[in-house]
Amino acid sequence: MNPIHLSVSAAQESGAPLPPKPPGRLASLDAYRGLAMVLMASGMLGLPNLAEHFPDQPFWQWVGFHWEHVSWAGCSLHDLIQPSFTFMVGVALPFSLAGRLAQSQSPASLWRHVLWRSLVLVLLGVALRSVNKPITNWTFEDTLTQIGLGYPLLYAISGWGRRAPWAALAVILAGYWTAFAAWPLPPADFPWEAYQGKAWFSGFQAHWNQNSNVAWAFDRWFMNLFPRVDPFTGNGGGYSTLSFVPTLATMVLGLVAGRWLKSDPPPGEEEFYEASPWRIIGLLVLAGALCLVAGWGLDRLGWCPSVKRIWTPAWTLFSGGWCFLTMAGFYLVADVWGAKRLFFPLIVVGMNSIAAYVMAERLEGFIGAMLHTHFGSKPFQILGETYGGLLHGGTVLGVLWLILYWMHRRKLYLKV
């Protein structure tokens, strides 16, 4: 007899509770994750540079704006990539946890896995930022590192009741806002250039200017605890280590969505989570609308600007709203209507998102150089030099997808 069947039979005879069934895979989650990775990799298409050739065409100016990050405040399509990837970490947690519980893993084993995954993500992010550097580049603003720093806290929050994640969200955002608002503004003679900072705002919102805030002050101490070629004075983009705190809030929003999608109730709240697919979609849309309005309102009222680079509370809510709405759309089409074949190219990427992230970060130059060596530049200029970068980048993107497809066919998935 199969050992699994034998253990199940023994459990039934003894009256012991059976382990939960492993959850089914959510096609919408893989598709959405794949979209985020494809958008990230699409930076190699050079669309902002292409748009510069058409300064009088609104379409190309729209494309140029949305395929690069805004300078500080505001939001473009490209700015929503990292929140989406982060949000889906929270969505996936209830499914991942259920799968491990189905294997009868102990609480201690689950915590060991969480801490190991956190460590791997942090070090992988540091390793990616250290390529071509003279020594290890100890920096903690990479997407993987930010997720890794907050992941154990997310796991702890996942064991709380239905209302607790919302309470955690409020505490995180209120505390982060207070830390910035209470930090003293720089003096009039503040040396902005020395710290790679910039005064984007005036008045109360000046508390969220680049490299003159509490998160920058923390990094001026923390980052210099590590070996460095030169002392750390400020991040050129204004990014900071402490952004992992509100990044955790984005993961908590994803956790809430994941509980709805899985109908995964905390103990004693099973009735609330017995939801139909249409009620789940309604909850996702409602949460998305409320977050969008809240984030937009905080920014418009002047209480907190929406800045992705330091992950302000207004940005957390505004970007989280878009994540809820996008998740609802994918869930409707892929899982409720069952049209997941429409998203097959994205699912191939989404099921291997860590591999896709690493390859997009590190293989673009290698593949591009190989294409140039073996084919030269003429094949990519068949539409003229203006579109050469687009065709070259599109070919590199296609090669990366074929590698992921080869891995998908052989069920080779990079997981941590």
Protein backbone atom coordinates (compact mmCIF):
# COMPACT_ATOMS: atom_id res chain seq x y z
CA MET A 1 0.00 0.00 0.00
CA ASN A 2 1.12 3.52 -0.71
CA PRO A 3 2.71 4.99 2.47
CA ILE A 4 0.56 8.10 2.18
CA HIS A 5 -2.63 6.06 1.94
CA LEU A 6 -1.44 3.96 4.87
CA SER A 7 -0.86 7.05 7.04
CA VAL A 8 -4.25 8.48 6.08
CA SER A 9 -5.99 5.23 6.94
CA ALA A 10 -4.18 5.09 10.27
CA ALA A 11 -5.21 8.65 11.03
CA GLN A 12 -8.83 7.87 10.18
CA GLU A 13 -8.86 4.78 12.44
CA SER A 14 -7.29 6.71 15.32
CA GLY A 15 -9.70 9.61 14.97
CA ALA A 16 -6.84 12.08 14.51
CA PRO A 17 -7.54 15.07 12.26
CA LEU A 18 -6.30 14.73 8.71
CA PRO A 19 -3.86 17.26 7.33
CA PRO A 20 -5.47 19.87 5.08
CA LYS A 21 -5.49 19.30 1.35
CA PRO A 22 -2.87 21.22 -0.60
CA PRO A 23 -4.37 24.26 -2.32
CA GLY A 24 -4.94 24.50 -6.04
CA ARG A 25 -2.74 26.87 -8.02
CA LEU A 26 -4.19 30.31 -8.70
CA ALA A 27 -3.70 31.08 -12.39
CA SER A 28 -4.42 34.77 -11.86
CA LEU A 29 -1.58 35.06 -9.35
CA ASP A 30 0.92 33.54 -11.79
CA ALA A 31 -0.38 35.74 -14.62
CA TYR A 32 -0.18 38.94 -12.59
CA ARG A 33 3.29 38.05 -11.33
CA GLY A 34 4.31 37.33 -14.92
CA LEU A 35 3.01 40.73 -16.05
CA ALA A 36 5.11 42.47 -13.38
CA MET A 37 8.24 40.60 -14.48
CA VAL A 38 7.61 41.29 -18.19
CA LEU A 39 7.10 44.99 -17.48
CA MET A 40 10.33 45.04 -15.52
CA ALA A 41 12.22 43.31 -18.33
CA SER A 42 10.59 45.57 -20.94
CA GLY A 43 12.95 48.31 -19.85
CA MET A 44 15.40 46.75 -22.32
CA LEU A 45 13.12 47.87 -25.18
CA GLY A 46 14.33 51.43 -24.76
CA LEU A 47 10.85 52.91 -25.18
CA PRO A 48 11.63 56.26 -23.46
CA ASN A 49 14.54 56.79 -25.88
CA LEU A 50 12.33 55.86 -28.81
CA ALA A 51 9.67 58.32 -27.65
CA GLU A 52 12.21 61.14 -27.90
CA HIS A 53 12.10 60.74 -31.70
CA PHE A 54 8.39 61.66 -31.67
CA PRO A 55 8.10 64.73 -29.43
CA ASP A 56 4.86 65.87 -31.06
CA GLN A 57 2.99 62.55 -30.86
CA PRO A 58 0.91 62.14 -27.67
CA PHE A 59 0.95 58.33 -27.87
CA TRP A 60 4.73 58.08 -27.84
CA GLN A 61 5.01 60.69 -25.10
CA TRP A 62 2.58 58.63 -23.01
CA VAL A 63 4.66 55.50 -23.65
CA GLY A 64 7.87 57.33 -22.80
CA PHE A 65 6.45 58.54 -19.50
CA HIS A 66 5.05 55.19 -18.39
CA TRP A 67 8.13 53.11 -19.28
CA GLU A 68 10.42 54.85 -16.82
CA HIS A 69 10.21 55.86 -13.17
CA VAL A 70 9.07 59.32 -12.18
CA SER A 71 11.79 61.55 -10.73
CA TRP A 72 10.25 61.71 -7.24
CA ALA A 73 6.55 62.30 -6.63
CA GLY A 74 3.81 60.80 -8.78
CA CYS A 75 3.25 57.47 -10.50
CA SER A 76 3.92 55.83 -13.85
CA LEU A 77 3.17 52.29 -15.00
CA HIS A 78 6.81 51.36 -14.37
CA ASP A 79 6.52 52.58 -10.78
CA LEU A 80 3.80 49.98 -10.13
CA ILE A 81 6.07 47.00 -10.90
CA GLN A 82 7.72 46.75 -7.49
CA PRO A 83 4.47 47.24 -5.51
CA SER A 84 2.84 44.54 -7.65
CA PHE A 85 5.64 42.04 -7.04
CA THR A 86 5.59 42.88 -3.33
CA PHE A 87 1.80 42.69 -3.08
CA MET A 88 1.83 39.21 -4.61
CA VAL A 89 4.21 37.95 -1.93
CA GLY A 90 1.38 38.59 0.50
CA VAL A 91 -1.22 37.05 -1.81
CA ALA A 92 0.85 33.88 -2.16
CA LEU A 93 1.49 33.38 1.55
CA PRO A 94 -1.84 31.72 2.49
CA PHE A 95 -1.44 29.30 -0.43
CA SER A 96 2.19 28.54 0.41
CA LEU A 97 1.36 28.04 4.07
CA ALA A 98 -1.53 25.69 3.24
CA GLY A 99 0.76 23.62 1.04
CA ARG A 100 3.26 23.18 3.85
CA LEU A 101 0.56 22.40 6.39
CA ALA A 102 -0.69 19.71 4.00
CA GLN A 103 2.76 18.16 4.42
CA SER A 104 2.22 18.17 8.20
CA GLN A 105 5.14 20.53 8.83
CA SER A 106 5.54 21.66 12.43
CA PRO A 107 5.41 25.32 13.52
CA ALA A 108 9.16 25.21 14.17
CA SER A 109 9.78 23.86 10.68
CA LEU A 110 7.60 26.59 9.16
CA TRP A 111 9.53 29.30 11.02
CA ARG A 112 12.86 27.83 9.92
CA HIS A 113 11.70 27.98 6.32
CA VAL A 114 10.48 31.58 6.73
CA LEU A 115 13.76 32.74 8.24
CA TRP A 116 15.80 30.85 5.64
CA ARG A 117 13.76 32.36 2.80
CA SER A 118 14.18 35.82 4.31
CA LEU A 119 17.95 35.41 4.53
CA VAL A 120 18.25 34.10 0.96
CA LEU A 121 16.18 36.97 -0.45
CA VAL A 122 18.23 39.58 1.42
CA LEU A 123 21.57 38.10 0.33
CA LEU A 124 20.39 37.52 -3.24
CA GLY A 125 19.42 41.18 -3.49
CA VAL A 126 22.82 42.23 -2.12
CA ALA A 127 24.57 39.87 -4.54
CA LEU A 128 22.74 41.32 -7.54
CA ARG A 129 23.71 44.85 -6.48
CA SER A 130 27.34 43.76 -6.03
CA VAL A 131 27.98 42.58 -9.61
CA ASN A 132 30.97 44.43 -11.11
CA LYS A 133 31.68 46.14 -7.79
CA PRO A 134 35.18 46.01 -6.21
CA ILE A 135 33.77 44.66 -2.92
CA THR A 136 30.39 43.48 -1.65
CA ASN A 137 27.92 46.32 -2.13
CA TRP A 138 26.00 46.22 1.14
CA THR A 139 22.84 48.01 0.12
CA PHE A 140 19.30 47.06 1.01
CA GLU A 141 16.95 48.87 -1.39
CA ASP A 142 16.72 46.03 -3.93
CA THR A 143 13.20 44.59 -4.31
CA LEU A 144 14.24 41.12 -3.14
CA THR A 145 16.10 42.51 -0.14
CA GLN A 146 13.18 44.70 0.91
CA ILE A 147 10.83 41.71 0.74
CA GLY A 148 13.26 39.54 2.68
CA LEU A 149 13.59 42.07 5.50
CA GLY A 150 9.85 42.20 6.05
CA TYR A 151 8.92 38.58 5.32
CA PRO A 152 9.22 37.18 8.89
CA LEU A 153 6.98 39.96 10.16
CA LEU A 154 4.47 39.22 7.41
CA TYR A 155 4.42 35.56 8.41
CA ALA A 156 3.82 36.52 12.04
CA ILE A 157 0.93 38.80 11.05
CA SER A 158 -0.57 36.02 8.90
CA GLY A 159 -1.33 34.04 12.06
CA TRP A 160 -3.51 36.76 13.52
CA GLY A 161 -7.27 37.26 13.16
CA ARG A 162 -9.22 38.85 10.32
CA ARG A 163 -9.02 42.41 11.65
CA ALA A 164 -5.42 42.23 12.84
CA PRO A 165 -3.78 42.78 9.41
CA TRP A 166 -5.75 46.00 9.02
CA ALA A 167 -4.62 47.08 12.49
CA ALA A 168 -1.02 46.20 11.58
CA LEU A 169 -1.38 48.22 8.39
CA ALA A 170 -2.60 51.25 10.33
CA VAL A 171 0.22 51.00 12.88
CA ILE A 172 2.90 50.62 10.20
CA LEU A 173 1.72 53.54 8.08
CA ALA A 174 0.95 55.85 11.01
CA GLY A 175 4.29 55.09 12.64
CA TYR A 176 6.24 55.60 9.40
CA TRP A 177 4.41 58.88 8.70
CA THR A 178 5.09 60.12 12.23
CA ALA A 179 8.81 59.31 11.98
CA PHE A 180 9.12 61.46 8.84
CA ALA A 181 6.84 64.27 10.05
CA ALA A 182 8.66 64.55 13.39
CA TRP A 183 12.14 64.61 11.88
CA PRO A 184 13.48 68.19 11.82
CA LEU A 185 13.77 69.94 8.48
CA PRO A 186 17.30 70.69 7.24
CA PRO A 187 18.74 74.18 7.78
CA ALA A 188 18.72 76.79 5.03
CA ASP A 189 22.37 76.12 4.21
CA PHE A 190 21.92 72.33 3.95
CA PRO A 191 24.51 70.95 1.42
CA TRP A 192 22.11 69.10 -0.90
CA GLU A 193 24.73 68.14 -3.48
CA ALA A 194 27.04 66.61 -0.86
CA TYR A 195 24.30 64.15 0.09
CA GLN A 196 22.86 63.64 -3.42
CA GLY A 197 19.64 65.18 -2.18
CA LYS A 198 17.08 67.53 -3.67
CA ALA A 199 14.37 69.80 -2.29
CA TRP A 200 11.33 68.63 -4.26
CA PHE A 201 8.81 70.04 -1.78
CA SER A 202 8.37 73.05 0.47
CA GLY A 203 6.31 73.58 3.58
CA PHE A 204 5.14 70.56 5.57
CA GLN A 205 5.78 68.14 2.69
CA ALA A 206 9.48 69.07 2.83
CA HIS A 207 9.78 66.34 5.47
CA TRP A 208 9.71 63.93 2.52
CA ASN A 209 12.43 65.56 0.42
CA GLN A 210 15.24 63.48 -1.07
CA ASN A 211 18.10 62.58 1.29
CA SER A 212 17.17 64.96 4.08
CA ASN A 213 14.66 62.77 5.91
CA VAL A 214 14.71 60.27 8.77
CA ALA A 215 15.27 57.25 6.52
CA TRP A 216 18.32 58.94 4.96
CA ALA A 217 19.64 59.78 8.43
CA PHE A 218 19.26 56.15 9.48
CA ASP A 219 21.20 54.96 6.43
CA ARG A 220 24.01 57.43 7.05
CA TRP A 221 24.59 55.49 10.28
CA PHE A 222 23.55 51.98 9.27
CA MET A 223 25.19 51.71 5.84
CA ASN A 224 28.54 52.84 7.22
CA LEU A 225 28.59 49.87 9.59
CA PHE A 226 29.52 47.73 6.56
CA PRO A 227 32.82 47.71 4.63
CA ARG A 228 32.68 50.32 1.86
CA VAL A 229 35.03 51.78 -0.70
CA ASP A 230 33.80 55.27 0.21
CA PRO A 231 31.71 56.42 3.19
CA PHE A 232 27.98 56.38 2.51
CA THR A 233 26.51 59.88 2.30
CA GLY A 234 23.25 59.22 0.46
CA ASN A 235 21.62 57.05 -2.17
CA GLY A 236 21.66 58.70 -5.59
CA GLY A 237 18.02 57.81 -6.19
CA GLY A 238 16.86 58.64 -2.68
CA TYR A 239 16.09 54.99 -1.85
CA SER A 240 16.50 53.80 1.73
CA THR A 241 16.74 50.67 3.86
CA LEU A 242 13.79 51.66 6.05
CA SER A 243 11.46 51.47 3.06
CA PHE A 244 11.10 47.80 3.98
CA VAL A 245 8.73 48.93 6.74
CA PRO A 246 6.01 50.36 4.45
CA THR A 247 6.89 47.64 1.93
CA LEU A 248 5.70 45.26 4.64
CA ALA A 249 2.42 47.20 4.61
CA THR A 250 2.07 46.47 0.88
CA MET A 251 2.64 42.78 1.61
CA VAL A 252 -0.04 42.96 4.32
CA LEU A 253 -2.50 44.31 1.73
CA GLY A 254 -1.58 41.33 -0.42
CA LEU A 255 -2.10 39.01 2.55
CA VAL A 256 -5.64 40.31 2.95
CA ALA A 257 -6.29 39.71 -0.75
CA GLY A 258 -4.76 36.25 -0.53
CA ARG A 259 -7.06 35.29 2.35
CA TRP A 260 -10.07 36.38 0.33
CA LEU A 261 -8.91 34.54 -2.78
CA LYS A 262 -8.22 31.34 -0.90
CA SER A 263 -11.18 31.76 1.44
CA ASP A 264 -8.62 31.12 4.16
CA PRO A 265 -10.19 31.89 7.54
CA PRO A 266 -8.44 32.44 10.84
CA PRO A 267 -9.81 30.06 13.52
CA GLY A 268 -13.39 30.83 14.46
CA GLU A 269 -14.07 33.04 11.43
CA GLU A 270 -14.85 30.39 8.83
CA GLU A 271 -18.30 31.77 8.05
CA PHE A 272 -16.97 35.15 6.94
CA TYR A 273 -14.62 33.57 4.42
CA GLU A 274 -17.15 31.26 2.76
CA ALA A 275 -17.36 33.66 -0.16
CA SER A 276 -18.46 33.18 -3.75
CA PRO A 277 -16.04 34.22 -6.51
CA TRP A 278 -18.19 37.27 -7.22
CA ARG A 279 -18.07 38.37 -3.58
CA ILE A 280 -14.28 37.97 -3.65
CA ILE A 281 -14.10 40.18 -6.76
CA GLY A 282 -16.35 42.71 -5.05
CA LEU A 283 -14.10 42.79 -1.98
CA LEU A 284 -10.99 43.24 -4.13
CA VAL A 285 -12.56 46.06 -6.14
CA LEU A 286 -13.90 47.79 -3.03
CA ALA A 287 -10.53 47.56 -1.26
CA GLY A 288 -8.81 48.84 -4.39
CA ALA A 289 -11.11 51.83 -4.72
CA LEU A 290 -10.79 52.76 -1.04
CA CYS A 291 -6.99 52.52 -1.12
CA LEU A 292 -6.79 54.62 -4.28
CA VAL A 293 -8.98 57.34 -2.79
CA ALA A 294 -7.10 57.28 0.53
CA GLY A 295 -3.67 57.49 -1.10
CA TRP A 296 -4.76 60.18 -3.55
CA GLY A 297 -6.43 62.15 -0.77
CA LEU A 298 -3.39 62.13 1.52
CA ASP A 299 -1.32 63.52 -1.34
CA ARG A 300 -3.84 66.13 -2.49
CA LEU A 301 -4.51 67.39 1.02
CA GLY A 302 -0.80 67.97 1.52
CA TRP A 303 -0.57 65.57 4.48
CA CYS A 304 1.79 63.11 2.79
CA PRO A 305 3.18 63.13 -0.76
CA SER A 306 3.01 60.02 -2.91
CA VAL A 307 6.66 59.04 -3.40
CA LYS A 308 7.58 55.52 -4.47
CA ARG A 309 11.33 55.84 -3.80
CA ILE A 310 10.80 56.22 -0.05
CA TRP A 311 7.48 54.30 -0.08
CA THR A 312 5.43 56.94 1.69
CA PRO A 313 2.09 55.93 3.29
CA ALA A 314 0.23 57.76 0.50
CA TRP A 315 2.18 55.75 -2.07
CA THR A 316 1.56 52.50 -0.18
CA LEU A 317 -2.19 53.00 -0.32
CA PHE A 318 -2.34 54.41 -3.85
CA SER A 319 -0.20 51.67 -5.39
CA GLY A 320 -1.94 49.06 -3.25
CA GLY A 321 -5.25 50.17 -4.72
CA TRP A 322 -3.99 49.49 -8.23
CA CYS A 323 -2.73 46.09 -7.07
CA PHE A 324 -6.15 45.12 -5.68
CA LEU A 325 -7.88 46.17 -8.91
CA THR A 326 -5.38 44.41 -11.16
CA MET A 327 -5.63 41.24 -9.06
CA ALA A 328 -9.42 41.39 -9.37
CA GLY A 329 -9.20 41.65 -13.16
CA PHE A 330 -6.83 38.72 -13.52
CA TYR A 331 -8.88 36.62 -11.09
CA LEU A 332 -12.09 37.33 -13.00
CA VAL A 333 -10.68 36.36 -16.40
CA ALA A 334 -8.26 33.56 -15.50
CA ASP A 335 -9.98 31.81 -12.57
CA VAL A 336 -13.67 32.72 -12.69
CA TRP A 337 -14.13 32.68 -16.46
CA GLY A 338 -11.44 30.02 -16.83
CA ALA A 339 -9.68 31.80 -19.72
CA LYS A 340 -6.18 31.24 -18.35
CA ARG A 341 -4.89 30.20 -21.79
CA LEU A 342 -5.03 33.88 -22.71
CA PHE A 343 -2.30 34.47 -20.15
CA PHE A 344 -0.10 31.47 -20.91
CA PRO A 345 2.96 33.58 -21.90
CA LEU A 346 2.65 35.50 -18.63
CA ILE A 347 2.04 32.35 -16.56
CA VAL A 348 5.27 30.82 -17.89
CA VAL A 349 7.12 33.84 -16.48
CA GLY A 350 5.08 34.12 -13.29
CA MET A 351 5.63 30.53 -12.25
CA ASN A 352 9.38 31.15 -12.32
CA SER A 353 9.45 34.75 -11.11
CA ILE A 354 12.71 34.55 -9.14
CA ALA A 355 14.52 33.09 -12.15
CA ALA A 356 12.92 35.74 -14.38
CA TYR A 357 14.02 38.51 -12.01
CA VAL A 358 17.62 37.33 -11.86
CA MET A 359 17.86 36.73 -15.62
CA ALA A 360 16.38 40.12 -16.46
CA GLU A 361 18.86 41.76 -14.11
CA ARG A 362 21.98 39.91 -15.24
CA LEU A 363 21.54 38.23 -18.67
CA GLU A 364 20.34 41.17 -20.76
CA GLY A 365 23.85 42.36 -21.60
CA PHE A 366 25.17 38.87 -22.26
CA ILE A 367 22.35 37.90 -24.63
CA GLY A 368 22.48 41.29 -26.34
CA ALA A 369 26.21 40.95 -26.94
CA MET A 370 25.76 37.42 -28.33
CA LEU A 371 23.11 38.64 -30.76
CA HIS A 372 25.38 41.45 -31.93
CA THR A 373 28.35 39.08 -32.32
CA HIS A 374 26.50 36.52 -34.41
CA PHE A 375 24.05 38.69 -36.35
CA GLY A 376 25.46 42.20 -36.30
CA SER A 377 23.17 45.24 -36.19
CA LYS A 378 21.56 45.14 -39.65
CA PRO A 379 18.78 42.60 -38.84
CA PHE A 380 17.53 44.94 -36.11
CA GLN A 381 17.45 47.96 -38.39
CA ILE A 382 15.06 46.63 -41.01
CA LEU A 383 12.58 49.31 -39.92
CA GLY A 384 15.27 51.97 -39.76
CA GLU A 385 17.77 53.02 -37.12
CA THR A 386 15.04 54.66 -35.07
CA TYR A 387 13.52 51.29 -34.21
CA GLY A 388 16.81 49.38 -33.94
CA GLY A 389 16.91 49.45 -30.14
CA LEU A 390 13.28 48.33 -29.92
CA LEU A 391 13.81 45.30 -32.16
CA HIS A 392 17.09 44.38 -30.47
CA GLY A 393 15.57 44.65 -26.99
CA GLY A 394 12.48 42.74 -28.12
CA THR A 395 14.68 39.91 -29.39
CA VAL A 396 16.56 39.75 -26.08
CA LEU A 397 13.23 39.67 -24.27
CA GLY A 398 12.07 36.85 -26.54
CA VAL A 399 15.20 34.81 -25.83
CA LEU A 400 14.68 35.23 -22.10
CA TRP A 401 11.09 34.02 -22.45
CA LEU A 402 12.21 30.97 -24.45
CA ILE A 403 14.63 30.06 -21.66
CA LEU A 404 11.81 30.33 -19.12
CA TYR A 405 9.54 28.28 -21.40
CA TRP A 406 12.22 25.57 -21.65
CA MET A 407 12.41 25.53 -17.85
CA HIS A 408 8.61 25.43 -17.61
CA ARG A 409 8.36 22.41 -19.92
CA ARG A 410 10.87 20.58 -17.73
CA LYS A 411 9.30 21.82 -14.48
CA LEU A 412 12.48 23.59 -13.43
CA TYR A 413 11.45 26.32 -11.03
CA LEU A 414 13.78 28.46 -8.93
CA LYS A 415 12.26 28.73 -5.46
CA VAL A 416 13.47 29.89 -2.06
